[in-house]
């Protein structure tokens, strides 16, 4: 999978109407599976990108030179 695929999954979770605890659980499960697919995958960055209130934060944007777009 590519970064574009990871971004797509994160965006779907971020924009879903799921309760936060369910979204977080799904994000953690996806992160574990994606880490197995790619050892360089960053689970914390992925999980942060799935949270609507965190994905647009300055900390995430500053870390996006090689990662997820908010």
C-alpha atoms as a PDB file:
ATOM      1  CA  UNK A   1       0.000   0.000   0.000  1.00  0.00           C
ATOM      2  CA  UNK A   2       1.064   3.581  -0.509  1.00  0.00           C
ATOM      3  CA  UNK A   3       0.860   6.730   1.593  1.00  0.00           C
ATOM      4  CA  UNK A   4      -2.096   7.714  -0.572  1.00  0.00           C
ATOM      5  CA  UNK A   5      -3.936   4.567   0.546  1.00  0.00           C
ATOM      6  CA  UNK A   6      -3.143   5.241   4.205  1.00  0.00           C
ATOM      7  CA  UNK A   7      -4.405   8.797   3.798  1.00  0.00           C
ATOM      8  CA  UNK A   8      -7.633   7.556   2.233  1.00  0.00           C
ATOM      9  CA  UNK A   9      -8.293   5.229   5.181  1.00  0.00           C
ATOM     10  CA  UNK A  10      -7.492   7.984   7.698  1.00  0.00           C
ATOM     11  CA  UNK A  11      -9.811  10.421   5.905  1.00  0.00           C
ATOM     12  CA  UNK A  12     -12.681   7.938   5.838  1.00  0.00           C
ATOM     13  CA  UNK A  13     -12.342   7.383   9.590  1.00  0.00           C
ATOM     14  CA  UNK A  14     -11.924  11.109  10.291  1.00  0.00           C
ATOM     15  CA  UNK A  15     -15.031  12.037   8.312  1.00  0.00           C
ATOM     16  CA  UNK A  16     -17.234   9.228   9.628  1.00  0.00           C
ATOM     17  CA  UNK A  17     -20.158   9.778  11.975  1.00  0.00           C
ATOM     18  CA  UNK A  18     -18.870   7.097  14.339  1.00  0.00           C
ATOM     19  CA  UNK A  19     -18.584   7.853  18.064  1.00  0.00           C
ATOM     20  CA  UNK A  20     -15.040   8.800  19.069  1.00  0.00           C
ATOM     21  CA  UNK A  21     -14.355   5.612  21.004  1.00  0.00           C
ATOM     22  CA  UNK A  22     -15.390   3.428  18.059  1.00  0.00           C
ATOM     23  CA  UNK A  23     -13.360   5.561  15.634  1.00  0.00           C
ATOM     24  CA  UNK A  24     -10.310   5.252  17.902  1.00  0.00           C
ATOM     25  CA  UNK A  25     -10.685   1.493  18.172  1.00  0.00           C
ATOM     26  CA  UNK A  26     -10.957   1.154  14.387  1.00  0.00           C
ATOM     27  CA  UNK A  27      -7.947   3.451  13.919  1.00  0.00           C
ATOM     28  CA  UNK A  28      -5.871   1.323  16.303  1.00  0.00           C
ATOM     29  CA  UNK A  29      -6.884  -1.869  14.520  1.00  0.00           C
ATOM     30  CA  UNK A  30      -6.081  -0.380  11.123  1.00  0.00           C
ATOM     31  CA  UNK A  31      -2.770   0.966  12.454  1.00  0.00           C
ATOM     32  CA  UNK A  32      -1.726  -2.480  13.710  1.00  0.00           C
ATOM     33  CA  UNK A  33      -2.567  -4.083  10.373  1.00  0.00           C
ATOM     34  CA  UNK A  34      -0.917  -1.331   8.332  1.00  0.00           C
ATOM     35  CA  UNK A  35       2.249  -1.526  10.454  1.00  0.00           C
ATOM     36  CA  UNK A  36       2.524  -5.194   9.449  1.00  0.00           C
ATOM     37  CA  UNK A  37       2.174  -4.152   5.810  1.00  0.00           C
ATOM     38  CA  UNK A  38       4.897  -1.495   6.099  1.00  0.00           C
ATOM     39  CA  UNK A  39       7.488  -1.443   8.914  1.00  0.00           C
ATOM     40  CA  UNK A  40       8.084   2.299   8.321  1.00  0.00           C
ATOM     41  CA  UNK A  41       4.386   3.080   8.870  1.00  0.00           C
ATOM     42  CA  UNK A  42       3.823   5.472  11.799  1.00  0.00           C
ATOM     43  CA  UNK A  43       0.795   4.280  13.814  1.00  0.00           C
ATOM     44  CA  UNK A  44       0.614   7.335  16.091  1.00  0.00           C
ATOM     45  CA  UNK A  45       0.631   9.725  13.154  1.00  0.00           C
ATOM     46  CA  UNK A  46      -2.073   7.665  11.442  1.00  0.00           C
ATOM     47  CA  UNK A  47      -4.286   7.588  14.545  1.00  0.00           C
ATOM     48  CA  UNK A  48      -3.905  11.341  15.036  1.00  0.00           C
ATOM     49  CA  UNK A  49      -4.916  11.876  11.398  1.00  0.00           C
ATOM     50  CA  UNK A  50      -8.187  10.009  12.031  1.00  0.00           C
ATOM     51  CA  UNK A  51      -9.295  12.388  14.802  1.00  0.00           C
ATOM     52  CA  UNK A  52     -11.304  15.359  13.496  1.00  0.00           C
ATOM     53  CA  UNK A  53     -10.146  17.683  16.279  1.00  0.00           C
ATOM     54  CA  UNK A  54      -6.472  16.651  15.988  1.00  0.00           C
ATOM     55  CA  UNK A  55      -6.033  16.151  12.243  1.00  0.00           C
ATOM     56  CA  UNK A  56      -6.205  19.891  11.587  1.00  0.00           C
ATOM     57  CA  UNK A  57      -3.894  20.853  14.455  1.00  0.00           C
ATOM     58  CA  UNK A  58      -0.644  22.742  13.868  1.00  0.00           C
ATOM     59  CA  UNK A  59       1.353  19.836  15.323  1.00  0.00           C
ATOM     60  CA  UNK A  60       0.035  17.452  12.676  1.00  0.00           C
ATOM     61  CA  UNK A  61       0.477  20.012   9.898  1.00  0.00           C
ATOM     62  CA  UNK A  62       4.087  20.637  10.975  1.00  0.00           C
ATOM     63  CA  UNK A  63       4.755  16.900  10.822  1.00  0.00           C
ATOM     64  CA  UNK A  64       3.291  16.442   7.349  1.00  0.00           C
ATOM     65  CA  UNK A  65       6.337  17.063   5.229  1.00  0.00           C
ATOM     66  CA  UNK A  66       6.445  13.330   4.555  1.00  0.00           C
ATOM     67  CA  UNK A  67       3.059  12.274   5.864  1.00  0.00           C
ATOM     68  CA  UNK A  68      -0.614  12.842   6.049  1.00  0.00           C
ATOM     69  CA  UNK A  69      -2.319  15.921   4.753  1.00  0.00           C
ATOM     70  CA  UNK A  70      -4.976  17.292   7.061  1.00  0.00           C
END
